[in-house]
Amino acid sequence: LGGSGDERPEHDGDVMNDDEAIEAIATSSVMLGIASARADLFAFRAAR
């Protein structure tokens, strides 16, 4: 959306299992006020 998607240096770190990634995405969505379950699914698919 124009101003979104600003790229910054990537984080280093070990790979995580799917359950950890799903829980991090779902919890963050709640904090961000995102109500759509599609967003969580898309985010997980995009990360994988």
ModelCIF file with pLDDT and N, C-alpha, C, O atoms, coordinates in Angstrom:
data_MODEL
#
_entry.id   MODEL 
#
_entity.id                         1 
_entity.type                       polymer 
_entity.pdbx_number_of_molecules   1 
#
_entity_poly.entity_id                      1 
_entity_poly.type                           'polypeptide(L)' 
_entity_poly.nstd_linkage                   no 
_entity_poly.nstd_monomer                   no 
_entity_poly.pdbx_seq_one_letter_code       LGGSGDERPEHDGDVMNDDEAIEAIATSSVMLGIASARADLFAFRAAR 
_entity_poly.pdbx_seq_one_letter_code_can   LGGSGDERPEHDGDVMNDDEAIEAIATSSVMLGIASARADLFAFRAAR 
_entity_poly.pdbx_strand_id                 A 
#
loop_
_entity_poly_seq.entity_id 
_entity_poly_seq.num 
_entity_poly_seq.mon_id 
_entity_poly_seq.hetero 
1 1  LEU n 
1 2  GLY n 
1 3  GLY n 
1 4  SER n 
1 5  GLY n 
1 6  ASP n 
1 7  GLU n 
1 8  ARG n 
1 9  PRO n 
1 10 GLU n 
1 11 HIS n 
1 12 ASP n 
1 13 GLY n 
1 14 ASP n 
1 15 VAL n 
1 16 MET n 
1 17 ASN n 
1 18 ASP n 
1 19 ASP n 
1 20 GLU n 
1 21 ALA n 
1 22 ILE n 
1 23 GLU n 
1 24 ALA n 
1 25 ILE n 
1 26 ALA n 
1 27 THR n 
1 28 SER n 
1 29 SER n 
1 30 VAL n 
1 31 MET n 
1 32 LEU n 
1 33 GLY n 
1 34 ILE n 
1 35 ALA n 
1 36 SER n 
1 37 ALA n 
1 38 ARG n 
1 39 ALA n 
1 40 ASP n 
1 41 LEU n 
1 42 PHE n 
1 43 ALA n 
1 44 PHE n 
1 45 ARG n 
1 46 ALA n 
1 47 ALA n 
1 48 ARG n 
#
_struct_asym.id          A 
_struct_asym.entity_id   1 
#
loop_
_ma_qa_metric.id 
_ma_qa_metric.mode 
_ma_qa_metric.name 
_ma_qa_metric.software_group_id 
_ma_qa_metric.type 
1 global pLDDT . pLDDT 
2 local  pLDDT . pLDDT 
#
_ma_qa_metric_global.metric_id      1 
_ma_qa_metric_global.metric_value   78.98 
_ma_qa_metric_global.model_id       1 
_ma_qa_metric_global.ordinal_id     1 
#
loop_
_ma_qa_metric_local.label_asym_id 
_ma_qa_metric_local.label_comp_id 
_ma_qa_metric_local.label_seq_id 
_ma_qa_metric_local.metric_id 
_ma_qa_metric_local.metric_value 
_ma_qa_metric_local.model_id 
_ma_qa_metric_local.ordinal_id 
A LEU 1  2 78.00 1 1  
A GLY 2  2 67.00 1 2  
A GLY 3  2 50.00 1 3  
A SER 4  2 47.00 1 4  
A GLY 5  2 44.00 1 5  
A ASP 6  2 47.00 1 6  
A GLU 7  2 53.00 1 7  
A ARG 8  2 52.00 1 8  
A PRO 9  2 49.00 1 9  
A GLU 10 2 56.00 1 10 
A HIS 11 2 52.00 1 11 
A ASP 12 2 58.00 1 12 
A GLY 13 2 73.00 1 13 
A ASP 14 2 78.00 1 14 
A VAL 15 2 84.00 1 15 
A MET 16 2 86.00 1 16 
A ASN 17 2 87.00 1 17 
A ASP 18 2 88.00 1 18 
A ASP 19 2 88.00 1 19 
A GLU 20 2 88.00 1 20 
A ALA 21 2 89.00 1 21 
A ILE 22 2 90.00 1 22 
A GLU 23 2 88.00 1 23 
A ALA 24 2 88.00 1 24 
A ILE 25 2 89.00 1 25 
A ALA 26 2 88.00 1 26 
A THR 27 2 86.00 1 27 
A SER 28 2 86.00 1 28 
A SER 29 2 86.00 1 29 
A VAL 30 2 84.00 1 30 
A MET 31 2 81.00 1 31 
A LEU 32 2 80.00 1 32 
A GLY 33 2 79.00 1 33 
A ILE 34 2 84.00 1 34 
A ALA 35 2 77.00 1 35 
A SER 36 2 80.00 1 36 
A ALA 37 2 85.00 1 37 
A ARG 38 2 89.00 1 38 
A ALA 39 2 91.00 1 39 
A ASP 40 2 92.00 1 40 
A LEU 41 2 93.00 1 41 
A PHE 42 2 95.00 1 42 
A ALA 43 2 94.00 1 43 
A PHE 44 2 94.00 1 44 
A ARG 45 2 95.00 1 45 
A ALA 46 2 95.00 1 46 
A ALA 47 2 94.00 1 47 
A ARG 48 2 94.00 1 48 
#
loop_
_atom_site.group_PDB 
_atom_site.id 
_atom_site.type_symbol 
_atom_site.label_atom_id 
_atom_site.label_alt_id 
_atom_site.label_comp_id 
_atom_site.label_asym_id 
_atom_site.label_entity_id 
_atom_site.label_seq_id 
_atom_site.pdbx_PDB_ins_code 
_atom_site.Cartn_x 
_atom_site.Cartn_y 
_atom_site.Cartn_z 
_atom_site.occupancy 
_atom_site.B_iso_or_equiv 
_atom_site.pdbx_formal_charge 
_atom_site.auth_seq_id 
_atom_site.auth_comp_id 
_atom_site.auth_asym_id 
_atom_site.auth_atom_id 
_atom_site.pdbx_PDB_model_num 
ATOM 1   N N  . LEU A 1 1  ? 0.820   -1.209  0.000  1.00 78.00 ? 1  LEU A N  1 
ATOM 2   C CA . LEU A 1 1  ? 0.000   0.000   0.000  1.00 78.00 ? 1  LEU A CA 1 
ATOM 3   C C  . LEU A 1 1  ? 0.850   1.254   0.000  1.00 78.00 ? 1  LEU A C  1 
ATOM 4   O O  . LEU A 1 1  ? 0.594   2.180   0.771  1.00 78.00 ? 1  LEU A O  1 
ATOM 5   N N  . GLY A 1 2  ? 1.841   1.294   -0.841 1.00 67.00 ? 2  GLY A N  1 
ATOM 6   C CA . GLY A 1 2  ? 2.673   2.488   -0.927 1.00 67.00 ? 2  GLY A CA 1 
ATOM 7   C C  . GLY A 1 2  ? 3.651   2.574   0.213  1.00 67.00 ? 2  GLY A C  1 
ATOM 8   O O  . GLY A 1 2  ? 4.830   2.266   0.041  1.00 67.00 ? 2  GLY A O  1 
ATOM 9   N N  . GLY A 1 3  ? 3.172   3.000   1.420  1.00 50.00 ? 3  GLY A N  1 
ATOM 10  C CA . GLY A 1 3  ? 4.070   3.165   2.546  1.00 50.00 ? 3  GLY A CA 1 
ATOM 11  C C  . GLY A 1 3  ? 4.347   1.892   3.305  1.00 50.00 ? 3  GLY A C  1 
ATOM 12  O O  . GLY A 1 3  ? 5.164   1.900   4.225  1.00 50.00 ? 3  GLY A O  1 
ATOM 13  N N  . SER A 1 4  ? 3.681   0.769   2.946  1.00 47.00 ? 4  SER A N  1 
ATOM 14  C CA . SER A 1 4  ? 3.910   -0.464  3.691  1.00 47.00 ? 4  SER A CA 1 
ATOM 15  C C  . SER A 1 4  ? 4.976   -1.302  3.015  1.00 47.00 ? 4  SER A C  1 
ATOM 16  O O  . SER A 1 4  ? 5.394   -1.017  1.893  1.00 47.00 ? 4  SER A O  1 
ATOM 17  N N  . GLY A 1 5  ? 5.405   -2.334  3.709  1.00 44.00 ? 5  GLY A N  1 
ATOM 18  C CA . GLY A 1 5  ? 6.401   -3.232  3.128  1.00 44.00 ? 5  GLY A CA 1 
ATOM 19  C C  . GLY A 1 5  ? 7.805   -2.676  3.178  1.00 44.00 ? 5  GLY A C  1 
ATOM 20  O O  . GLY A 1 5  ? 8.634   -3.050  2.349  1.00 44.00 ? 5  GLY A O  1 
ATOM 21  N N  . ASP A 1 6  ? 8.106   -1.790  4.126  1.00 47.00 ? 6  ASP A N  1 
ATOM 22  C CA . ASP A 1 6  ? 9.441   -1.211  4.249  1.00 47.00 ? 6  ASP A CA 1 
ATOM 23  C C  . ASP A 1 6  ? 10.423  -2.296  4.679  1.00 47.00 ? 6  ASP A C  1 
ATOM 24  O O  . ASP A 1 6  ? 10.216  -2.965  5.691  1.00 47.00 ? 6  ASP A O  1 
ATOM 25  N N  . GLU A 1 7  ? 11.481  -2.464  3.913  1.00 53.00 ? 7  GLU A N  1 
ATOM 26  C CA . GLU A 1 7  ? 12.415  -3.555  4.200  1.00 53.00 ? 7  GLU A CA 1 
ATOM 27  C C  . GLU A 1 7  ? 13.532  -3.090  5.127  1.00 53.00 ? 7  GLU A C  1 
ATOM 28  O O  . GLU A 1 7  ? 14.090  -2.005  4.958  1.00 53.00 ? 7  GLU A O  1 
ATOM 29  N N  . ARG A 1 8  ? 13.840  -3.918  6.091  1.00 52.00 ? 8  ARG A N  1 
ATOM 30  C CA . ARG A 1 8  ? 14.917  -3.668  7.038  1.00 52.00 ? 8  ARG A CA 1 
ATOM 31  C C  . ARG A 1 8  ? 15.835  -4.881  7.073  1.00 52.00 ? 8  ARG A C  1 
ATOM 32  O O  . ARG A 1 8  ? 15.481  -5.929  6.533  1.00 52.00 ? 8  ARG A O  1 
ATOM 33  N N  . PRO A 1 9  ? 17.013  -4.765  7.698  1.00 49.00 ? 9  PRO A N  1 
ATOM 34  C CA . PRO A 1 9  ? 17.890  -5.931  7.786  1.00 49.00 ? 9  PRO A CA 1 
ATOM 35  C C  . PRO A 1 9  ? 17.169  -7.120  8.402  1.00 49.00 ? 9  PRO A C  1 
ATOM 36  O O  . PRO A 1 9  ? 16.411  -6.971  9.360  1.00 49.00 ? 9  PRO A O  1 
ATOM 37  N N  . GLU A 1 10 ? 17.413  -8.306  7.840  1.00 56.00 ? 10 GLU A N  1 
ATOM 38  C CA . GLU A 1 10 ? 16.733  -9.510  8.294  1.00 56.00 ? 10 GLU A CA 1 
ATOM 39  C C  . GLU A 1 10 ? 17.314  -9.991  9.624  1.00 56.00 ? 10 GLU A C  1 
ATOM 40  O O  . GLU A 1 10 ? 18.480  -9.753  9.938  1.00 56.00 ? 10 GLU A O  1 
ATOM 41  N N  . HIS A 1 11 ? 16.470  -10.669 10.389 1.00 52.00 ? 11 HIS A N  1 
ATOM 42  C CA . HIS A 1 11 ? 16.917  -11.273 11.648 1.00 52.00 ? 11 HIS A CA 1 
ATOM 43  C C  . HIS A 1 11 ? 17.647  -12.584 11.354 1.00 52.00 ? 11 HIS A C  1 
ATOM 44  O O  . HIS A 1 11 ? 17.272  -13.336 10.455 1.00 52.00 ? 11 HIS A O  1 
ATOM 45  N N  . ASP A 1 12 ? 18.676  -12.830 12.120 1.00 58.00 ? 12 ASP A N  1 
ATOM 46  C CA . ASP A 1 12 ? 19.333  -14.133 12.062 1.00 58.00 ? 12 ASP A CA 1 
ATOM 47  C C  . ASP A 1 12 ? 18.720  -15.020 13.132 1.00 58.00 ? 12 ASP A C  1 
ATOM 48  O O  . ASP A 1 12 ? 18.227  -14.541 14.153 1.00 58.00 ? 12 ASP A O  1 
ATOM 49  N N  . GLY A 1 13 ? 18.759  -16.314 12.881 1.00 73.00 ? 13 GLY A N  1 
ATOM 50  C CA . GLY A 1 13 ? 18.244  -17.223 13.888 1.00 73.00 ? 13 GLY A CA 1 
ATOM 51  C C  . GLY A 1 13 ? 18.017  -18.606 13.329 1.00 73.00 ? 13 GLY A C  1 
ATOM 52  O O  . GLY A 1 13 ? 18.050  -18.817 12.116 1.00 73.00 ? 13 GLY A O  1 
ATOM 53  N N  . ASP A 1 14 ? 17.788  -19.542 14.222 1.00 78.00 ? 14 ASP A N  1 
ATOM 54  C CA . ASP A 1 14 ? 17.553  -20.925 13.819 1.00 78.00 ? 14 ASP A CA 1 
ATOM 55  C C  . ASP A 1 14 ? 16.138  -21.083 13.284 1.00 78.00 ? 14 ASP A C  1 
ATOM 56  O O  . ASP A 1 14 ? 15.253  -20.266 13.541 1.00 78.00 ? 14 ASP A O  1 
ATOM 57  N N  . VAL A 1 15 ? 15.957  -22.152 12.540 1.00 84.00 ? 15 VAL A N  1 
ATOM 58  C CA . VAL A 1 15 ? 14.617  -22.445 12.046 1.00 84.00 ? 15 VAL A CA 1 
ATOM 59  C C  . VAL A 1 15 ? 13.751  -22.922 13.208 1.00 84.00 ? 15 VAL A C  1 
ATOM 60  O O  . VAL A 1 15 ? 14.253  -23.453 14.198 1.00 84.00 ? 15 VAL A O  1 
ATOM 61  N N  . MET A 1 16 ? 12.449  -22.725 13.070 1.00 86.00 ? 16 MET A N  1 
ATOM 62  C CA . MET A 1 16 ? 11.495  -23.115 14.113 1.00 86.00 ? 16 MET A CA 1 
ATOM 63  C C  . MET A 1 16 ? 10.519  -24.121 13.519 1.00 86.00 ? 16 MET A C  1 
ATOM 64  O O  . MET A 1 16 ? 10.420  -24.255 12.299 1.00 86.00 ? 16 MET A O  1 
ATOM 65  N N  . ASN A 1 17 ? 9.808   -24.815 14.373 1.00 87.00 ? 17 ASN A N  1 
ATOM 66  C CA . ASN A 1 17 ? 8.807   -25.735 13.846 1.00 87.00 ? 17 ASN A CA 1 
ATOM 67  C C  . ASN A 1 17 ? 7.528   -24.971 13.513 1.00 87.00 ? 17 ASN A C  1 
ATOM 68  O O  . ASN A 1 17 ? 7.356   -23.815 13.900 1.00 87.00 ? 17 ASN A O  1 
ATOM 69  N N  . ASP A 1 18 ? 6.638   -25.643 12.788 1.00 88.00 ? 18 ASP A N  1 
ATOM 70  C CA . ASP A 1 18 ? 5.430   -24.980 12.299 1.00 88.00 ? 18 ASP A CA 1 
ATOM 71  C C  . ASP A 1 18 ? 4.541   -24.490 13.434 1.00 88.00 ? 18 ASP A C  1 
ATOM 72  O O  . ASP A 1 18 ? 3.957   -23.411 13.341 1.00 88.00 ? 18 ASP A O  1 
ATOM 73  N N  . ASP A 1 19 ? 4.434   -25.273 14.508 1.00 88.00 ? 19 ASP A N  1 
ATOM 74  C CA . ASP A 1 19 ? 3.572   -24.882 15.625 1.00 88.00 ? 19 ASP A CA 1 
ATOM 75  C C  . ASP A 1 19 ? 4.040   -23.575 16.253 1.00 88.00 ? 19 ASP A C  1 
ATOM 76  O O  . ASP A 1 19 ? 3.223   -22.724 16.606 1.00 88.00 ? 19 ASP A O  1 
ATOM 77  N N  . GLU A 1 20 ? 5.356   -23.415 16.393 1.00 88.00 ? 20 GLU A N  1 
ATOM 78  C CA . GLU A 1 20 ? 5.898   -22.176 16.964 1.00 88.00 ? 20 GLU A CA 1 
ATOM 79  C C  . GLU A 1 20 ? 5.591   -20.986 16.064 1.00 88.00 ? 20 GLU A C  1 
ATOM 80  O O  . GLU A 1 20 ? 5.207   -19.918 16.540 1.00 88.00 ? 20 GLU A O  1 
ATOM 81  N N  . ALA A 1 21 ? 5.762   -21.181 14.766 1.00 89.00 ? 21 ALA A N  1 
ATOM 82  C CA . ALA A 1 21 ? 5.497   -20.086 13.831 1.00 89.00 ? 21 ALA A CA 1 
ATOM 83  C C  . ALA A 1 21 ? 4.020   -19.713 13.830 1.00 89.00 ? 21 ALA A C  1 
ATOM 84  O O  . ALA A 1 21 ? 3.674   -18.532 13.823 1.00 89.00 ? 21 ALA A O  1 
ATOM 85  N N  . ILE A 1 22 ? 3.154   -20.715 13.838 1.00 90.00 ? 22 ILE A N  1 
ATOM 86  C CA . ILE A 1 22 ? 1.706   -20.455 13.827 1.00 90.00 ? 22 ILE A CA 1 
ATOM 87  C C  . ILE A 1 22 ? 1.290   -19.701 15.078 1.00 90.00 ? 22 ILE A C  1 
ATOM 88  O O  . ILE A 1 22 ? 0.497   -18.762 15.006 1.00 90.00 ? 22 ILE A O  1 
ATOM 89  N N  . GLU A 1 23 ? 1.825   -20.112 16.237 1.00 88.00 ? 23 GLU A N  1 
ATOM 90  C CA . GLU A 1 23 ? 1.450   -19.437 17.482 1.00 88.00 ? 23 GLU A CA 1 
ATOM 91  C C  . GLU A 1 23 ? 1.947   -17.996 17.499 1.00 88.00 ? 23 GLU A C  1 
ATOM 92  O O  . GLU A 1 23 ? 1.237   -17.104 17.963 1.00 88.00 ? 23 GLU A O  1 
ATOM 93  N N  . ALA A 1 24 ? 3.168   -17.756 16.994 1.00 88.00 ? 24 ALA A N  1 
ATOM 94  C CA . ALA A 1 24 ? 3.698   -16.389 16.961 1.00 88.00 ? 24 ALA A CA 1 
ATOM 95  C C  . ALA A 1 24 ? 2.850   -15.509 16.041 1.00 88.00 ? 24 ALA A C  1 
ATOM 96  O O  . ALA A 1 24 ? 2.559   -14.361 16.375 1.00 88.00 ? 24 ALA A O  1 
ATOM 97  N N  . ILE A 1 25 ? 2.457   -16.041 14.893 1.00 89.00 ? 25 ILE A N  1 
ATOM 98  C CA . ILE A 1 25 ? 1.646   -15.273 13.947 1.00 89.00 ? 25 ILE A CA 1 
ATOM 99  C C  . ILE A 1 25 ? 0.272   -14.975 14.530 1.00 89.00 ? 25 ILE A C  1 
ATOM 100 O O  . ILE A 1 25 ? -0.202  -13.841 14.454 1.00 89.00 ? 25 ILE A O  1 
ATOM 101 N N  . ALA A 1 26 ? -0.376  -15.994 15.117 1.00 88.00 ? 26 ALA A N  1 
ATOM 102 C CA . ALA A 1 26 ? -1.725  -15.815 15.659 1.00 88.00 ? 26 ALA A CA 1 
ATOM 103 C C  . ALA A 1 26 ? -1.732  -14.803 16.802 1.00 88.00 ? 26 ALA A C  1 
ATOM 104 O O  . ALA A 1 26 ? -2.609  -13.941 16.864 1.00 88.00 ? 26 ALA A O  1 
ATOM 105 N N  . THR A 1 27 ? -0.757  -14.906 17.705 1.00 86.00 ? 27 THR A N  1 
ATOM 106 C CA . THR A 1 27 ? -0.698  -13.967 18.832 1.00 86.00 ? 27 THR A CA 1 
ATOM 107 C C  . THR A 1 27 ? -0.443  -12.550 18.345 1.00 86.00 ? 27 THR A C  1 
ATOM 108 O O  . THR A 1 27 ? -1.044  -11.603 18.854 1.00 86.00 ? 27 THR A O  1 
ATOM 109 N N  . SER A 1 28 ? 0.435   -12.393 17.373 1.00 86.00 ? 28 SER A N  1 
ATOM 110 C CA . SER A 1 28 ? 0.722   -11.069 16.828 1.00 86.00 ? 28 SER A CA 1 
ATOM 111 C C  . SER A 1 28 ? -0.498  -10.482 16.135 1.00 86.00 ? 28 SER A C  1 
ATOM 112 O O  . SER A 1 28 ? -0.739  -9.278  16.230 1.00 86.00 ? 28 SER A O  1 
ATOM 113 N N  . SER A 1 29 ? -1.273  -11.314 15.438 1.00 86.00 ? 29 SER A N  1 
ATOM 114 C CA . SER A 1 29 ? -2.479  -10.822 14.768 1.00 86.00 ? 29 SER A CA 1 
ATOM 115 C C  . SER A 1 29 ? -3.468  -10.243 15.762 1.00 86.00 ? 29 SER A C  1 
ATOM 116 O O  . SER A 1 29 ? -4.091  -9.213  15.505 1.00 86.00 ? 29 SER A O  1 
ATOM 117 N N  . VAL A 1 30 ? -3.610  -10.917 16.911 1.00 84.00 ? 30 VAL A N  1 
ATOM 118 C CA . VAL A 1 30 ? -4.509  -10.406 17.948 1.00 84.00 ? 30 VAL A CA 1 
ATOM 119 C C  . VAL A 1 30 ? -4.026  -9.055  18.443 1.00 84.00 ? 30 VAL A C  1 
ATOM 120 O O  . VAL A 1 30 ? -4.823  -8.133  18.610 1.00 84.00 ? 30 VAL A O  1 
ATOM 121 N N  . MET A 1 31 ? -2.726  -8.931  18.680 1.00 81.00 ? 31 MET A N  1 
ATOM 122 C CA . MET A 1 31 ? -2.173  -7.661  19.152 1.00 81.00 ? 31 MET A CA 1 
ATOM 123 C C  . MET A 1 31 ? -2.363  -6.544  18.137 1.00 81.00 ? 31 MET A C  1 
ATOM 124 O O  . MET A 1 31 ? -2.490  -5.379  18.512 1.00 81.00 ? 31 MET A O  1 
ATOM 125 N N  . LEU A 1 32 ? -2.383  -6.890  16.857 1.00 80.00 ? 32 LEU A N  1 
ATOM 126 C CA . LEU A 1 32 ? -2.508  -5.890  15.794 1.00 80.00 ? 32 LEU A CA 1 
ATOM 127 C C  . LEU A 1 32 ? -3.956  -5.610  15.431 1.00 80.00 ? 32 LEU A C  1 
ATOM 128 O O  . LEU A 1 32 ? -4.214  -4.779  14.561 1.00 80.00 ? 32 LEU A O  1 
ATOM 129 N N  . GLY A 1 33 ? -4.903  -6.274  16.066 1.00 79.00 ? 33 GLY A N  1 
ATOM 130 C CA . GLY A 1 33 ? -6.314  -6.047  15.778 1.00 79.00 ? 33 GLY A CA 1 
ATOM 131 C C  . GLY A 1 33 ? -6.763  -6.629  14.455 1.00 79.00 ? 33 GLY A C  1 
ATOM 132 O O  . GLY A 1 33 ? -7.702  -6.116  13.846 1.00 79.00 ? 33 GLY A O  1 
ATOM 133 N N  . ILE A 1 34 ? -6.109  -7.698  13.991 1.00 84.00 ? 34 ILE A N  1 
ATOM 134 C CA . ILE A 1 34 ? -6.466  -8.335  12.721 1.00 84.00 ? 34 ILE A CA 1 
ATOM 135 C C  . ILE A 1 34 ? -7.468  -9.437  13.012 1.00 84.00 ? 34 ILE A C  1 
ATOM 136 O O  . ILE A 1 34 ? -7.150  -10.408 13.697 1.00 84.00 ? 34 ILE A O  1 
ATOM 137 N N  . ALA A 1 35 ? -8.683  -9.287  12.490 1.00 77.00 ? 35 ALA A N  1 
ATOM 138 C CA . ALA A 1 35 ? -9.752  -10.236 12.813 1.00 77.00 ? 35 ALA A CA 1 
ATOM 139 C C  . ALA A 1 35 ? -9.860  -11.381 11.818 1.00 77.00 ? 35 ALA A C  1 
ATOM 140 O O  . ALA A 1 35 ? -10.480 -12.400 12.119 1.00 77.00 ? 35 ALA A O  1 
ATOM 141 N N  . SER A 1 36 ? -9.272  -11.234 10.645 1.00 80.00 ? 36 SER A N  1 
ATOM 142 C CA . SER A 1 36 ? -9.448  -12.234 9.593  1.00 80.00 ? 36 SER A CA 1 
ATOM 143 C C  . SER A 1 36 ? -8.546  -13.441 9.813  1.00 80.00 ? 36 SER A C  1 
ATOM 144 O O  . SER A 1 36 ? -7.333  -13.302 9.970  1.00 80.00 ? 36 SER A O  1 
ATOM 145 N N  . ALA A 1 37 ? -9.154  -14.633 9.824  1.00 85.00 ? 37 ALA A N  1 
ATOM 146 C CA . ALA A 1 37 ? -8.360  -15.863 9.937  1.00 85.00 ? 37 ALA A CA 1 
ATOM 147 C C  . ALA A 1 37 ? -7.558  -16.105 8.663  1.00 85.00 ? 37 ALA A C  1 
ATOM 148 O O  . ALA A 1 37 ? -6.520  -16.765 8.696  1.00 85.00 ? 37 ALA A O  1 
ATOM 149 N N  . ARG A 1 38 ? -8.039  -15.571 7.541  1.00 89.00 ? 38 ARG A N  1 
ATOM 150 C CA . ARG A 1 38 ? -7.284  -15.719 6.290  1.00 89.00 ? 38 ARG A CA 1 
ATOM 151 C C  . ARG A 1 38 ? -5.888  -15.113 6.417  1.00 89.00 ? 38 ARG A C  1 
ATOM 152 O O  . ARG A 1 38 ? -4.921  -15.648 5.876  1.00 89.00 ? 38 ARG A O  1 
ATOM 153 N N  . ALA A 1 39 ? -5.790  -13.986 7.140  1.00 91.00 ? 39 ALA A N  1 
ATOM 154 C CA . ALA A 1 39 ? -4.498  -13.312 7.272  1.00 91.00 ? 39 ALA A CA 1 
ATOM 155 C C  . ALA A 1 39 ? -3.480  -14.222 7.950  1.00 91.00 ? 39 ALA A C  1 
ATOM 156 O O  . ALA A 1 39 ? -2.331  -14.298 7.516  1.00 91.00 ? 39 ALA A O  1 
ATOM 157 N N  . ASP A 1 40 ? -3.894  -14.912 9.010  1.00 92.00 ? 40 ASP A N  1 
ATOM 158 C CA . ASP A 1 40 ? -2.981  -15.835 9.697  1.00 92.00 ? 40 ASP A CA 1 
ATOM 159 C C  . ASP A 1 40 ? -2.531  -16.946 8.754  1.00 92.00 ? 40 ASP A C  1 
ATOM 160 O O  . ASP A 1 40 ? -1.349  -17.286 8.699  1.00 92.00 ? 40 ASP A O  1 
ATOM 161 N N  . LEU A 1 41 ? -3.477  -17.505 8.016  1.00 93.00 ? 41 LEU A N  1 
ATOM 162 C CA . LEU A 1 41 ? -3.139  -18.594 7.099  1.00 93.00 ? 41 LEU A CA 1 
ATOM 163 C C  . LEU A 1 41 ? -2.201  -18.106 6.000  1.00 93.00 ? 41 LEU A C  1 
ATOM 164 O O  . LEU A 1 41 ? -1.222  -18.775 5.669  1.00 93.00 ? 41 LEU A O  1 
ATOM 165 N N  . PHE A 1 42 ? -2.505  -16.930 5.433  1.00 95.00 ? 42 PHE A N  1 
ATOM 166 C CA . PHE A 1 42 ? -1.640  -16.378 4.387  1.00 95.00 ? 42 PHE A CA 1 
ATOM 167 C C  . PHE A 1 42 ? -0.237  -16.098 4.928  1.00 95.00 ? 42 PHE A C  1 
ATOM 168 O O  . PHE A 1 42 ? 0.756   -16.355 4.247  1.00 95.00 ? 42 PHE A O  1 
ATOM 169 N N  . ALA A 1 43 ? -0.155  -15.567 6.160  1.00 94.00 ? 43 ALA A N  1 
ATOM 170 C CA . ALA A 1 43 ? 1.144   -15.249 6.736  1.00 94.00 ? 43 ALA A CA 1 
ATOM 171 C C  . ALA A 1 43 ? 1.976   -16.512 6.928  1.00 94.00 ? 43 ALA A C  1 
ATOM 172 O O  . ALA A 1 43 ? 3.171   -16.522 6.631  1.00 94.00 ? 43 ALA A O  1 
ATOM 173 N N  . PHE A 1 44 ? 1.351   -17.571 7.420  1.00 94.00 ? 44 PHE A N  1 
ATOM 174 C CA . PHE A 1 44 ? 2.079   -18.824 7.603  1.00 94.00 ? 44 PHE A CA 1 
ATOM 175 C C  . PHE A 1 44 ? 2.542   -19.376 6.254  1.00 94.00 ? 44 PHE A C  1 
ATOM 176 O O  . PHE A 1 44 ? 3.692   -19.792 6.112  1.00 94.00 ? 44 PHE A O  1 
ATOM 177 N N  . ARG A 1 45 ? 1.650   -19.380 5.267  1.00 95.00 ? 45 ARG A N  1 
ATOM 178 C CA . ARG A 1 45 ? 2.037   -19.877 3.947  1.00 95.00 ? 45 ARG A CA 1 
ATOM 179 C C  . ARG A 1 45 ? 3.168   -19.042 3.351  1.00 95.00 ? 45 ARG A C  1 
ATOM 180 O O  . ARG A 1 45 ? 4.084   -19.583 2.732  1.00 95.00 ? 45 ARG A O  1 
ATOM 181 N N  . ALA A 1 46 ? 3.102   -17.720 3.540  1.00 95.00 ? 46 ALA A N  1 
ATOM 182 C CA . ALA A 1 46 ? 4.137   -16.844 2.992  1.00 95.00 ? 46 ALA A CA 1 
ATOM 183 C C  . ALA A 1 46 ? 5.482   -17.110 3.654  1.00 95.00 ? 46 ALA A C  1 
ATOM 184 O O  . ALA A 1 46 ? 6.512   -17.160 2.982  1.00 95.00 ? 46 ALA A O  1 
ATOM 185 N N  . ALA A 1 47 ? 5.471   -17.282 4.985  1.00 94.00 ? 47 ALA A N  1 
ATOM 186 C CA . ALA A 1 47 ? 6.720   -17.548 5.693  1.00 94.00 ? 47 ALA A CA 1 
ATOM 187 C C  . ALA A 1 47 ? 7.329   -18.873 5.244  1.00 94.00 ? 47 ALA A C  1 
ATOM 188 O O  . ALA A 1 47 ? 8.533   -18.955 5.004  1.00 94.00 ? 47 ALA A O  1 
ATOM 189 N N  . ARG A 1 48 ? 6.496   -19.911 5.130  1.00 94.00 ? 48 ARG A N  1 
ATOM 190 C CA . ARG A 1 48 ? 7.012   -21.218 4.721  1.00 94.00 ? 48 ARG A CA 1 
ATOM 191 C C  . ARG A 1 48 ? 7.541   -21.167 3.287  1.00 94.00 ? 48 ARG A C  1 
ATOM 192 O O  . ARG A 1 48 ? 8.017   -22.177 2.769  1.00 94.00 ? 48 ARG A O  1 
#
